[in-house]
Amino acid sequence: MSTPNRPLRVLRELPAPVRWLSLPAVLAACAAAVLWPGDYQPPTTAPVPAADAVGPCLALMKQLPQQIEGHPRTDPSAYVAVWASSPRTVLRCGVPRPASLDTHGSELGPNVDGVQWYMEGDGHGGNKFTLTLHQLYVEVAVPEGATPYPADPLAPVSPAVLATIPDLSGELNNPSD
């Protein structure tokens, strides 16, 4: 004879307070699993920059700091830099223009050391910053918890951007000049 009601019978044998709390406990655990940001890591997929962006991207990669807030840098590709914060901070050079710029405008974000960044959420509680007002797009993904403040990685990256990525008029704004 089969016992199709065995799970219900086991539940009925538990003390009443345990039975009463079991459903809310299961629902809370499910909600936490769905809402918890978890261990999101931004992608390190290498972009395919346009031909005129290759030179500036390679120059930027050479100028980037080897550490950000004590976290060492690795370069998984010629156009991607990763700082080993936990979770990791990722810079990708030569990315496509964010579609959301059409509706939000290029100045929705911080201006760090003369470099304008466009800021949008990454969908996991962190932020993605995209360089604007320059001839190509550079993206810096800063997941939640990677740094004390979301824009912290932009300060050490911005001078390298000014020195290597031409603005819309084609000029470099090298801070050391």
N, C-alpha and C. Protein backbone atom coordinates (compact mmCIF):
# COMPACT_ATOMS: atom_id res chain seq x y z
N MET A 1 0.83 -1.18 0.00
CA MET A 1 0.00 0.00 0.00
C MET A 1 0.89 1.25 0.00
N SER A 2 0.60 2.22 -0.86
CA SER A 2 1.40 3.44 -0.94
C SER A 2 1.01 4.41 0.17
N THR A 3 1.90 5.33 0.41
CA THR A 3 1.64 6.33 1.45
C THR A 3 1.73 7.73 0.85
N PRO A 4 0.71 8.12 0.05
CA PRO A 4 0.75 9.43 -0.58
C PRO A 4 0.65 10.57 0.43
N ASN A 5 0.12 10.33 1.61
CA ASN A 5 -0.05 11.39 2.59
C ASN A 5 1.08 11.42 3.62
N ARG A 6 2.16 10.69 3.36
CA ARG A 6 3.24 10.61 4.33
C ARG A 6 3.77 11.99 4.71
N PRO A 7 4.07 12.93 3.76
CA PRO A 7 4.55 14.26 4.18
C PRO A 7 3.55 14.98 5.07
N LEU A 8 2.27 14.85 4.78
CA LEU A 8 1.27 15.49 5.63
C LEU A 8 1.22 14.84 7.01
N ARG A 9 1.36 13.51 7.05
CA ARG A 9 1.34 12.82 8.32
C ARG A 9 2.53 13.24 9.18
N VAL A 10 3.72 13.38 8.56
CA VAL A 10 4.90 13.83 9.29
C VAL A 10 4.68 15.23 9.82
N LEU A 11 4.08 16.10 9.01
CA LEU A 11 3.81 17.47 9.44
C LEU A 11 2.83 17.49 10.60
N ARG A 12 1.80 16.62 10.55
CA ARG A 12 0.80 16.57 11.63
C ARG A 12 1.41 16.07 12.94
N GLU A 13 2.46 15.29 12.85
CA GLU A 13 3.08 14.74 14.06
C GLU A 13 3.97 15.75 14.76
N LEU A 14 4.30 16.85 14.09
CA LEU A 14 5.12 17.88 14.72
C LEU A 14 4.29 18.66 15.74
N PRO A 15 4.95 19.24 16.75
CA PRO A 15 4.22 20.06 17.72
C PRO A 15 3.54 21.23 17.01
N ALA A 16 2.42 21.66 17.54
CA ALA A 16 1.61 22.72 16.93
C ALA A 16 2.41 23.99 16.64
N PRO A 17 3.23 24.51 17.56
CA PRO A 17 3.97 25.74 17.24
C PRO A 17 4.91 25.57 16.05
N VAL A 18 5.51 24.39 15.90
CA VAL A 18 6.39 24.14 14.78
C VAL A 18 5.59 24.14 13.48
N ARG A 19 4.43 23.49 13.50
CA ARG A 19 3.56 23.47 12.30
C ARG A 19 3.15 24.87 11.93
N TRP A 20 2.78 25.69 12.90
CA TRP A 20 2.31 27.04 12.62
C TRP A 20 3.41 27.92 12.03
N LEU A 21 4.62 27.70 12.46
CA LEU A 21 5.73 28.54 12.00
C LEU A 21 6.42 28.02 10.74
N SER A 22 6.10 26.78 10.36
CA SER A 22 6.81 26.20 9.22
C SER A 22 6.51 26.94 7.92
N LEU A 23 5.28 27.27 7.63
CA LEU A 23 4.95 27.96 6.38
C LEU A 23 5.57 29.36 6.35
N PRO A 24 5.43 30.18 7.40
CA PRO A 24 6.10 31.49 7.34
C PRO A 24 7.62 31.37 7.21
N ALA A 25 8.22 30.37 7.85
CA ALA A 25 9.67 30.19 7.75
C ALA A 25 10.08 29.83 6.33
N VAL A 26 9.33 28.95 5.69
CA VAL A 26 9.63 28.57 4.31
C VAL A 26 9.45 29.77 3.39
N LEU A 27 8.39 30.54 3.57
CA LEU A 27 8.15 31.72 2.74
C LEU A 27 9.25 32.76 2.93
N ALA A 28 9.69 32.97 4.17
CA ALA A 28 10.77 33.93 4.43
C ALA A 28 12.07 33.47 3.77
N ALA A 29 12.36 32.19 3.85
CA ALA A 29 13.58 31.67 3.22
C ALA A 29 13.53 31.83 1.71
N CYS A 30 12.38 31.59 1.12
CA CYS A 30 12.23 31.75 -0.34
C CYS A 30 12.40 33.22 -0.73
N ALA A 31 11.77 34.11 0.03
CA ALA A 31 11.88 35.54 -0.27
C ALA A 31 13.33 36.01 -0.14
N ALA A 32 14.03 35.55 0.89
CA ALA A 32 15.43 35.93 1.07
C ALA A 32 16.28 35.42 -0.09
N ALA A 33 16.02 34.22 -0.54
CA ALA A 33 16.79 33.66 -1.65
C ALA A 33 16.58 34.47 -2.93
N VAL A 34 15.36 34.94 -3.12
CA VAL A 34 15.06 35.71 -4.33
C VAL A 34 15.59 37.14 -4.23
N LEU A 35 15.48 37.76 -3.06
CA LEU A 35 15.84 39.17 -2.91
C LEU A 35 17.30 39.40 -2.57
N TRP A 36 18.01 38.43 -2.04
CA TRP A 36 19.39 38.60 -1.63
C TRP A 36 20.26 38.83 -2.86
N PRO A 37 21.11 39.88 -2.85
CA PRO A 37 21.92 40.14 -4.03
C PRO A 37 22.92 39.04 -4.33
N GLY A 38 23.28 38.28 -3.32
CA GLY A 38 24.16 37.13 -3.54
C GLY A 38 25.56 37.53 -3.93
N ASP A 39 26.17 36.71 -4.71
CA ASP A 39 27.56 36.90 -5.09
C ASP A 39 27.67 37.36 -6.54
N TYR A 40 26.91 38.36 -6.91
CA TYR A 40 26.95 38.85 -8.29
C TYR A 40 28.34 39.38 -8.62
N GLN A 41 28.84 38.98 -9.75
CA GLN A 41 30.11 39.46 -10.27
C GLN A 41 29.85 40.04 -11.66
N PRO A 42 30.28 41.29 -11.92
CA PRO A 42 30.06 41.85 -13.25
C PRO A 42 30.82 41.05 -14.31
N PRO A 43 30.30 41.05 -15.52
CA PRO A 43 30.95 40.27 -16.58
C PRO A 43 32.31 40.85 -16.95
N THR A 44 33.18 39.97 -17.38
CA THR A 44 34.51 40.38 -17.86
C THR A 44 34.64 40.11 -19.36
N THR A 45 33.50 39.98 -20.02
CA THR A 45 33.48 39.75 -21.46
C THR A 45 34.15 40.92 -22.17
N ALA A 46 35.07 40.60 -23.03
CA ALA A 46 35.79 41.65 -23.76
C ALA A 46 34.89 42.28 -24.82
N PRO A 47 34.78 43.60 -24.84
CA PRO A 47 34.03 44.25 -25.92
C PRO A 47 34.84 44.20 -27.21
N VAL A 48 34.19 44.51 -28.30
CA VAL A 48 34.87 44.61 -29.59
C VAL A 48 34.81 46.09 -29.97
N PRO A 49 35.85 46.84 -29.61
CA PRO A 49 35.81 48.27 -29.89
C PRO A 49 35.88 48.56 -31.38
N ALA A 50 35.32 49.69 -31.77
CA ALA A 50 35.42 50.15 -33.16
C ALA A 50 36.89 50.37 -33.48
N ALA A 51 37.23 50.33 -34.74
CA ALA A 51 38.62 50.45 -35.18
C ALA A 51 39.30 51.71 -34.62
N ASP A 52 38.58 52.84 -34.61
CA ASP A 52 39.18 54.08 -34.11
C ASP A 52 39.27 54.13 -32.59
N ALA A 53 38.70 53.15 -31.90
CA ALA A 53 38.77 53.10 -30.44
C ALA A 53 39.89 52.20 -29.93
N VAL A 54 40.44 51.37 -30.80
CA VAL A 54 41.45 50.40 -30.37
C VAL A 54 42.67 51.10 -29.76
N GLY A 55 43.22 52.08 -30.46
CA GLY A 55 44.40 52.79 -29.95
C GLY A 55 44.17 53.45 -28.60
N PRO A 56 43.11 54.26 -28.47
CA PRO A 56 42.85 54.87 -27.17
C PRO A 56 42.58 53.85 -26.06
N CYS A 57 41.90 52.76 -26.38
CA CYS A 57 41.65 51.74 -25.36
C CYS A 57 42.95 51.10 -24.89
N LEU A 58 43.84 50.78 -25.82
CA LEU A 58 45.12 50.18 -25.44
C LEU A 58 45.94 51.17 -24.61
N ALA A 59 45.89 52.46 -24.97
CA ALA A 59 46.60 53.48 -24.20
C ALA A 59 46.01 53.60 -22.79
N LEU A 60 44.68 53.55 -22.69
CA LEU A 60 44.03 53.62 -21.38
C LEU A 60 44.46 52.46 -20.50
N MET A 61 44.47 51.26 -21.06
CA MET A 61 44.83 50.08 -20.27
C MET A 61 46.24 50.22 -19.69
N LYS A 62 47.15 50.85 -20.43
CA LYS A 62 48.51 51.05 -19.92
C LYS A 62 48.56 52.07 -18.79
N GLN A 63 47.63 53.02 -18.80
CA GLN A 63 47.62 54.10 -17.82
C GLN A 63 46.83 53.78 -16.54
N LEU A 64 46.02 52.75 -16.58
CA LEU A 64 45.17 52.44 -15.42
C LEU A 64 46.00 52.07 -14.20
N PRO A 65 45.49 52.41 -13.01
CA PRO A 65 46.23 52.07 -11.80
C PRO A 65 46.31 50.55 -11.60
N GLN A 66 47.43 50.11 -11.02
CA GLN A 66 47.61 48.69 -10.74
C GLN A 66 46.78 48.23 -9.54
N GLN A 67 46.36 49.18 -8.70
CA GLN A 67 45.53 48.86 -7.55
C GLN A 67 44.46 49.93 -7.39
N ILE A 68 43.32 49.52 -6.89
CA ILE A 68 42.28 50.44 -6.45
C ILE A 68 41.92 50.03 -5.04
N GLU A 69 42.12 50.96 -4.10
CA GLU A 69 41.85 50.72 -2.69
C GLU A 69 42.52 49.43 -2.19
N GLY A 70 43.75 49.21 -2.65
CA GLY A 70 44.51 48.06 -2.21
C GLY A 70 44.21 46.76 -2.94
N HIS A 71 43.28 46.79 -3.87
CA HIS A 71 42.91 45.59 -4.62
C HIS A 71 43.72 45.53 -5.92
N PRO A 72 44.46 44.44 -6.14
CA PRO A 72 45.30 44.35 -7.33
C PRO A 72 44.49 44.16 -8.61
N ARG A 73 45.12 44.57 -9.71
CA ARG A 73 44.47 44.52 -11.03
C ARG A 73 44.99 43.34 -11.83
N THR A 74 44.07 42.74 -12.58
CA THR A 74 44.41 41.76 -13.60
C THR A 74 43.74 42.20 -14.89
N ASP A 75 44.27 41.76 -16.00
CA ASP A 75 43.71 42.11 -17.31
C ASP A 75 43.34 40.83 -18.04
N PRO A 76 42.07 40.40 -17.97
CA PRO A 76 41.69 39.18 -18.67
C PRO A 76 41.68 39.32 -20.19
N SER A 77 41.70 40.55 -20.68
CA SER A 77 41.80 40.78 -22.13
C SER A 77 42.44 42.14 -22.35
N ALA A 78 42.69 42.47 -23.60
CA ALA A 78 43.33 43.75 -23.93
C ALA A 78 42.43 44.94 -23.62
N TYR A 79 41.13 44.72 -23.44
CA TYR A 79 40.19 45.82 -23.24
C TYR A 79 39.44 45.73 -21.91
N VAL A 80 39.89 44.85 -21.02
CA VAL A 80 39.20 44.64 -19.74
C VAL A 80 40.22 44.64 -18.61
N ALA A 81 39.93 45.43 -17.56
CA ALA A 81 40.73 45.42 -16.34
C ALA A 81 39.82 45.03 -15.19
N VAL A 82 40.34 44.20 -14.30
CA VAL A 82 39.56 43.73 -13.15
C VAL A 82 40.39 43.98 -11.89
N TRP A 83 39.76 44.64 -10.91
CA TRP A 83 40.38 44.82 -9.61
C TRP A 83 39.73 43.83 -8.67
N ALA A 84 40.55 43.09 -7.96
CA ALA A 84 40.09 41.94 -7.18
C ALA A 84 39.42 42.31 -5.87
N SER A 85 38.54 43.29 -5.91
CA SER A 85 37.73 43.55 -4.73
C SER A 85 36.73 42.40 -4.65
N SER A 86 36.01 42.32 -3.58
CA SER A 86 35.03 41.24 -3.46
C SER A 86 33.67 41.84 -3.18
N PRO A 87 32.81 41.91 -4.15
CA PRO A 87 32.91 41.44 -5.53
C PRO A 87 33.84 42.35 -6.35
N ARG A 88 34.22 41.85 -7.50
CA ARG A 88 35.22 42.53 -8.32
C ARG A 88 34.68 43.79 -8.99
N THR A 89 35.59 44.75 -9.22
CA THR A 89 35.30 45.95 -9.99
C THR A 89 35.87 45.72 -11.38
N VAL A 90 35.07 46.02 -12.42
CA VAL A 90 35.48 45.70 -13.80
C VAL A 90 35.39 46.94 -14.68
N LEU A 91 36.46 47.22 -15.41
CA LEU A 91 36.48 48.28 -16.42
C LEU A 91 36.56 47.61 -17.78
N ARG A 92 35.67 48.06 -18.70
CA ARG A 92 35.68 47.55 -20.09
C ARG A 92 35.74 48.75 -21.01
N CYS A 93 36.71 48.76 -21.91
CA CYS A 93 36.90 49.89 -22.82
C CYS A 93 36.39 49.55 -24.22
N GLY A 94 35.67 50.51 -24.82
CA GLY A 94 35.15 50.30 -26.16
C GLY A 94 33.80 49.61 -26.18
N VAL A 95 33.04 49.77 -25.10
CA VAL A 95 31.71 49.15 -25.03
C VAL A 95 30.73 49.94 -25.90
N PRO A 96 29.60 49.33 -26.27
CA PRO A 96 28.58 50.07 -27.02
C PRO A 96 27.95 51.17 -26.16
N ARG A 97 27.37 52.13 -26.81
CA ARG A 97 26.66 53.22 -26.12
C ARG A 97 25.46 52.64 -25.38
N PRO A 98 25.31 52.95 -24.09
CA PRO A 98 24.15 52.44 -23.35
C PRO A 98 22.85 52.99 -23.94
N ALA A 99 21.90 52.12 -24.18
CA ALA A 99 20.60 52.55 -24.74
C ALA A 99 19.89 53.51 -23.81
N SER A 100 20.09 53.38 -22.51
CA SER A 100 19.39 54.24 -21.56
C SER A 100 19.86 55.69 -21.63
N LEU A 101 20.97 55.97 -22.29
CA LEU A 101 21.41 57.36 -22.47
C LEU A 101 20.40 58.15 -23.30
N ASP A 102 19.66 57.47 -24.16
CA ASP A 102 18.67 58.16 -25.00
C ASP A 102 17.56 58.78 -24.17
N THR A 103 17.24 58.16 -23.06
CA THR A 103 16.14 58.67 -22.24
C THR A 103 16.59 59.46 -21.03
N HIS A 104 17.83 59.25 -20.58
CA HIS A 104 18.26 59.89 -19.34
C HIS A 104 19.25 61.03 -19.53
N GLY A 105 19.96 61.09 -20.62
CA GLY A 105 20.93 62.15 -20.83
C GLY A 105 22.30 61.80 -20.28
N SER A 106 23.32 62.40 -20.85
CA SER A 106 24.68 62.00 -20.55
C SER A 106 25.22 62.54 -19.23
N GLU A 107 24.53 63.47 -18.60
CA GLU A 107 25.08 64.06 -17.38
C GLU A 107 24.39 63.55 -16.13
N LEU A 108 23.76 62.39 -16.21
CA LEU A 108 23.12 61.79 -15.05
C LEU A 108 24.14 60.90 -14.35
N GLY A 109 24.99 61.52 -13.58
CA GLY A 109 26.03 60.79 -12.88
C GLY A 109 27.11 61.74 -12.40
N PRO A 110 28.12 61.20 -11.73
CA PRO A 110 29.14 62.07 -11.14
C PRO A 110 30.13 62.60 -12.17
N ASN A 111 30.64 63.79 -11.87
CA ASN A 111 31.77 64.34 -12.61
C ASN A 111 32.95 64.20 -11.66
N VAL A 112 33.91 63.36 -12.04
CA VAL A 112 35.04 63.06 -11.18
C VAL A 112 36.32 63.57 -11.84
N ASP A 113 36.93 64.57 -11.24
CA ASP A 113 38.18 65.15 -11.74
C ASP A 113 38.06 65.58 -13.20
N GLY A 114 36.93 66.16 -13.56
CA GLY A 114 36.73 66.66 -14.92
C GLY A 114 36.26 65.61 -15.91
N VAL A 115 35.93 64.43 -15.44
CA VAL A 115 35.43 63.37 -16.31
C VAL A 115 33.96 63.10 -15.95
N GLN A 116 33.10 63.22 -16.96
CA GLN A 116 31.67 62.99 -16.74
C GLN A 116 31.35 61.51 -16.93
N TRP A 117 30.69 60.93 -15.92
CA TRP A 117 30.29 59.53 -15.95
C TRP A 117 28.77 59.46 -15.89
N TYR A 118 28.22 58.58 -16.65
CA TYR A 118 26.78 58.29 -16.63
C TYR A 118 26.59 57.10 -15.68
N MET A 119 25.64 57.21 -14.76
CA MET A 119 25.44 56.18 -13.75
C MET A 119 24.09 55.51 -13.93
N GLU A 120 24.10 54.19 -13.87
CA GLU A 120 22.85 53.43 -13.86
C GLU A 120 23.03 52.21 -12.97
N GLY A 121 21.92 51.69 -12.47
CA GLY A 121 21.99 50.50 -11.64
C GLY A 121 22.37 49.28 -12.47
N ASP A 122 22.98 48.30 -11.79
CA ASP A 122 23.37 47.08 -12.50
C ASP A 122 22.33 45.97 -12.36
N GLY A 123 21.22 46.25 -11.65
CA GLY A 123 20.17 45.25 -11.47
C GLY A 123 20.43 44.31 -10.31
N HIS A 124 21.56 44.52 -9.60
CA HIS A 124 21.91 43.66 -8.48
C HIS A 124 22.29 44.48 -7.25
N GLY A 125 21.90 45.74 -7.21
CA GLY A 125 22.20 46.60 -6.07
C GLY A 125 23.45 47.45 -6.23
N GLY A 126 24.21 47.24 -7.29
CA GLY A 126 25.42 48.02 -7.54
C GLY A 126 25.19 49.04 -8.64
N ASN A 127 26.27 49.56 -9.18
CA ASN A 127 26.18 50.59 -10.22
C ASN A 127 27.12 50.30 -11.37
N LYS A 128 26.74 50.84 -12.51
CA LYS A 128 27.57 50.78 -13.70
C LYS A 128 27.74 52.22 -14.16
N PHE A 129 28.99 52.63 -14.31
CA PHE A 129 29.32 53.98 -14.75
C PHE A 129 29.87 53.90 -16.16
N THR A 130 29.37 54.78 -17.04
CA THR A 130 29.85 54.80 -18.42
C THR A 130 30.37 56.20 -18.73
N LEU A 131 31.57 56.24 -19.28
CA LEU A 131 32.19 57.50 -19.69
C LEU A 131 31.33 58.16 -20.76
N THR A 132 31.08 59.45 -20.62
CA THR A 132 30.34 60.20 -21.63
C THR A 132 31.16 61.42 -22.04
N LEU A 133 30.69 62.10 -23.04
CA LEU A 133 31.31 63.32 -23.55
C LEU A 133 32.73 63.08 -24.06
N HIS A 134 33.00 61.84 -24.47
CA HIS A 134 34.28 61.46 -25.06
C HIS A 134 34.00 60.66 -26.34
N GLN A 135 35.02 60.38 -27.12
CA GLN A 135 34.83 59.75 -28.41
C GLN A 135 34.53 58.26 -28.35
N LEU A 136 34.64 57.65 -27.20
CA LEU A 136 34.27 56.25 -27.06
C LEU A 136 33.75 56.01 -25.65
N TYR A 137 33.17 54.86 -25.46
CA TYR A 137 32.55 54.55 -24.17
C TYR A 137 33.40 53.57 -23.37
N VAL A 138 33.59 53.92 -22.12
CA VAL A 138 34.30 53.08 -21.15
C VAL A 138 33.33 52.83 -20.01
N GLU A 139 33.24 51.58 -19.61
CA GLU A 139 32.29 51.19 -18.56
C GLU A 139 33.05 50.71 -17.33
N VAL A 140 32.63 51.18 -16.16
CA VAL A 140 33.20 50.72 -14.90
C VAL A 140 32.04 50.15 -14.08
N ALA A 141 32.08 48.84 -13.86
CA ALA A 141 31.03 48.16 -13.09
C ALA A 141 31.50 48.03 -11.64
N VAL A 142 30.69 48.57 -10.73
CA VAL A 142 31.03 48.54 -9.30
C VAL A 142 29.86 47.88 -8.57
N PRO A 143 29.94 46.58 -8.35
CA PRO A 143 28.84 45.89 -7.68
C PRO A 143 28.70 46.33 -6.24
N GLU A 144 27.54 46.09 -5.70
CA GLU A 144 27.27 46.41 -4.30
C GLU A 144 28.32 45.74 -3.41
N GLY A 145 28.93 46.54 -2.54
CA GLY A 145 29.90 46.01 -1.59
C GLY A 145 31.33 45.96 -2.09
N ALA A 146 31.58 46.32 -3.35
CA ALA A 146 32.95 46.27 -3.88
C ALA A 146 33.83 47.34 -3.25
N THR A 147 33.27 48.51 -3.00
CA THR A 147 33.99 49.63 -2.39
C THR A 147 33.06 50.32 -1.41
N PRO A 148 33.62 51.11 -0.47
CA PRO A 148 32.74 51.79 0.50
C PRO A 148 31.69 52.68 -0.16
N TYR A 149 32.07 53.38 -1.22
CA TYR A 149 31.13 54.24 -1.94
C TYR A 149 31.15 53.83 -3.41
N PRO A 150 30.02 53.84 -4.09
CA PRO A 150 29.96 53.33 -5.47
C PRO A 150 30.93 54.00 -6.43
N ALA A 151 31.16 55.30 -6.29
CA ALA A 151 32.01 56.01 -7.25
C ALA A 151 33.49 55.98 -6.88
N ASP A 152 33.88 55.29 -5.82
CA ASP A 152 35.29 55.27 -5.39
C ASP A 152 36.26 54.89 -6.51
N PRO A 153 35.99 53.89 -7.34
CA PRO A 153 36.96 53.54 -8.39
C PRO A 153 37.14 54.61 -9.47
N LEU A 154 36.21 55.55 -9.57
CA LEU A 154 36.30 56.54 -10.64
C LEU A 154 37.44 57.54 -10.41
N ALA A 155 37.78 57.84 -9.17
CA ALA A 155 38.84 58.81 -8.90
C ALA A 155 40.20 58.34 -9.42
N PRO A 156 40.61 57.10 -9.19
CA PRO A 156 41.90 56.68 -9.76
C PRO A 156 41.85 56.40 -11.26
N VAL A 157 40.67 56.17 -11.82
CA VAL A 157 40.54 55.87 -13.25
C VAL A 157 40.44 57.15 -14.08
N SER A 158 39.82 58.19 -13.56
CA SER A 158 39.56 59.41 -14.33
C SER A 158 40.81 60.07 -14.90
N PRO A 159 41.92 60.20 -14.16
CA PRO A 159 43.11 60.81 -14.77
C PRO A 159 43.63 60.02 -15.98
N ALA A 160 43.54 58.70 -15.92
CA ALA A 160 43.96 57.88 -17.06
C ALA A 160 43.05 58.12 -18.26
N VAL A 161 41.76 58.30 -17.99
CA VAL A 161 40.81 58.60 -19.07
C VAL A 161 41.17 59.93 -19.72
N LEU A 162 41.40 60.95 -18.91
CA LEU A 162 41.73 62.27 -19.46
C LEU A 162 43.00 62.23 -20.31
N ALA A 163 43.94 61.39 -19.93
CA ALA A 163 45.21 61.34 -20.64
C ALA A 163 45.17 60.51 -21.92
N THR A 164 44.13 59.68 -22.10
CA THR A 164 44.17 58.73 -23.22
C THR A 164 42.93 58.72 -24.12
N ILE A 165 41.79 59.15 -23.62
CA ILE A 165 40.54 59.07 -24.41
C ILE A 165 40.16 60.49 -24.86
N PRO A 166 40.19 60.76 -26.15
CA PRO A 166 39.85 62.11 -26.64
C PRO A 166 38.41 62.49 -26.30
N ASP A 167 38.21 63.77 -25.98
CA ASP A 167 36.85 64.24 -25.75
C ASP A 167 36.14 64.40 -27.09
N LEU A 168 34.93 64.92 -27.07
CA LEU A 168 34.15 65.01 -28.31
C LEU A 168 34.78 65.92 -29.36
N SER A 169 35.63 66.86 -28.93
CA SER A 169 36.30 67.74 -29.91
C SER A 169 37.59 67.12 -30.43
N GLY A 170 37.95 65.92 -29.93
CA GLY A 170 39.15 65.25 -30.38
C GLY A 170 40.38 65.57 -29.57
N GLU A 171 40.21 66.34 -28.47
CA GLU A 171 41.33 66.77 -27.64
C GLU A 171 41.52 65.84 -26.45
N LEU A 172 42.77 65.72 -26.05
CA LEU A 172 43.08 65.03 -24.79
C LEU A 172 43.21 66.10 -23.71
N ASN A 173 42.71 65.81 -22.57
CA ASN A 173 42.79 66.74 -21.46
C ASN A 173 43.74 66.18 -20.42
N ASN A 174 44.97 66.02 -20.80
CA ASN A 174 45.96 65.41 -19.93
C ASN A 174 46.15 66.25 -18.68
N PRO A 175 45.85 65.69 -17.50
CA PRO A 175 45.96 66.47 -16.28
C PRO A 175 47.40 66.83 -15.92
N SER A 176 48.38 66.16 -16.51
CA SER A 176 49.77 66.47 -16.20
C SER A 176 50.32 67.61 -17.05
N ASP A 177 49.54 68.09 -18.03
CA ASP A 177 49.99 69.21 -18.89
C ASP A 177 49.95 70.51 -18.14
